[in-house]
């Protein structure tokens, strides 16, 4: 699964990648820094703790992403 969300704090979108086949769980933030995780559960927890719908230009896209990621909680 890959998600691209436009945020208010940068020109580049926030990229969320959850690739179970290859064990890749990462987030590239709009400032091009990133976060890497060992499991989807860790990644979803980090997203819940650090991002919120109002950080993004279209909050509904964030909510849709979280609904898709809910299966990993």
Protein backbone atom coordinates (compact mmCIF):
# COMPACT_ATOMS: atom_id res chain seq x y z
CA UNK A 1 0.00 0.00 0.00
CA UNK A 2 1.19 3.47 -0.82
CA UNK A 3 -0.38 6.79 0.01
CA UNK A 4 0.53 10.31 -1.07
CA UNK A 5 -0.99 13.15 0.96
CA UNK A 6 -0.48 16.85 0.31
CA UNK A 7 0.26 18.71 3.52
CA UNK A 8 0.25 22.40 4.36
CA UNK A 9 3.85 22.48 5.61
CA UNK A 10 5.75 21.60 2.44
CA UNK A 11 5.76 21.46 -1.34
CA UNK A 12 6.28 17.71 -1.47
CA UNK A 13 3.57 15.27 -0.41
CA UNK A 14 3.84 13.00 2.59
CA UNK A 15 4.48 9.48 1.24
CA UNK A 16 3.38 6.49 3.31
CA UNK A 17 4.58 3.05 2.17
CA UNK A 18 3.48 -0.21 3.71
CA UNK A 19 4.96 -3.09 1.70
CA UNK A 20 4.57 -6.36 3.60
CA UNK A 21 6.03 -8.46 0.78
CA UNK A 22 9.38 -6.69 1.08
CA UNK A 23 9.19 -5.63 4.75
CA UNK A 24 9.20 -1.90 3.98
CA UNK A 25 7.31 0.35 6.38
CA UNK A 26 8.22 3.99 5.94
CA UNK A 27 7.04 7.56 5.82
CA UNK A 28 8.67 10.34 3.84
CA UNK A 29 7.62 13.65 5.33
CA UNK A 30 7.03 16.80 3.30
CA UNK A 31 10.45 18.13 4.36
CA UNK A 32 12.01 14.95 2.79
CA UNK A 33 13.08 13.55 6.15
CA UNK A 34 11.73 10.13 6.92
CA UNK A 35 10.71 7.54 9.45
CA UNK A 36 11.35 3.81 9.14
CA UNK A 37 9.61 1.08 11.09
CA UNK A 38 10.04 -2.63 11.79
CA UNK A 39 6.34 -3.46 11.57
CA UNK A 40 3.08 -2.02 10.29
CA UNK A 41 1.84 -1.76 13.88
CA UNK A 42 4.74 0.55 14.80
CA UNK A 43 4.09 2.69 11.74
CA UNK A 44 0.35 3.07 12.38
CA UNK A 45 1.02 3.98 16.02
CA UNK A 46 3.54 6.64 14.94
CA UNK A 47 1.06 8.10 12.45
CA UNK A 48 -1.67 8.27 15.12
CA UNK A 49 0.73 9.97 17.56
CA UNK A 50 2.27 12.46 15.11
CA UNK A 51 -0.14 13.31 12.31
CA UNK A 52 -3.73 14.50 12.22
CA UNK A 53 -6.27 15.13 9.46
CA UNK A 54 -5.98 18.90 9.71
CA UNK A 55 -2.27 18.70 8.76
CA UNK A 56 -3.34 17.87 5.21
CA UNK A 57 -4.97 19.81 2.38
CA UNK A 58 -7.68 17.17 2.06
CA UNK A 59 -8.37 15.74 5.55
CA UNK A 60 -10.66 13.07 4.07
CA UNK A 61 -7.65 11.49 2.30
CA UNK A 62 -5.91 11.12 5.65
CA UNK A 63 -9.03 9.51 7.13
CA UNK A 64 -9.29 7.11 4.18
CA UNK A 65 -5.64 6.14 4.65
CA UNK A 66 -6.20 5.50 8.35
CA UNK A 67 -9.24 3.35 7.53
CA UNK A 68 -7.07 1.29 5.18
CA UNK A 69 -4.33 0.97 7.79
CA UNK A 70 -6.76 -0.01 10.56
CA UNK A 71 -6.37 -3.67 9.59
CA UNK A 72 -2.80 -3.55 10.93
CA UNK A 73 -3.73 -2.41 14.44
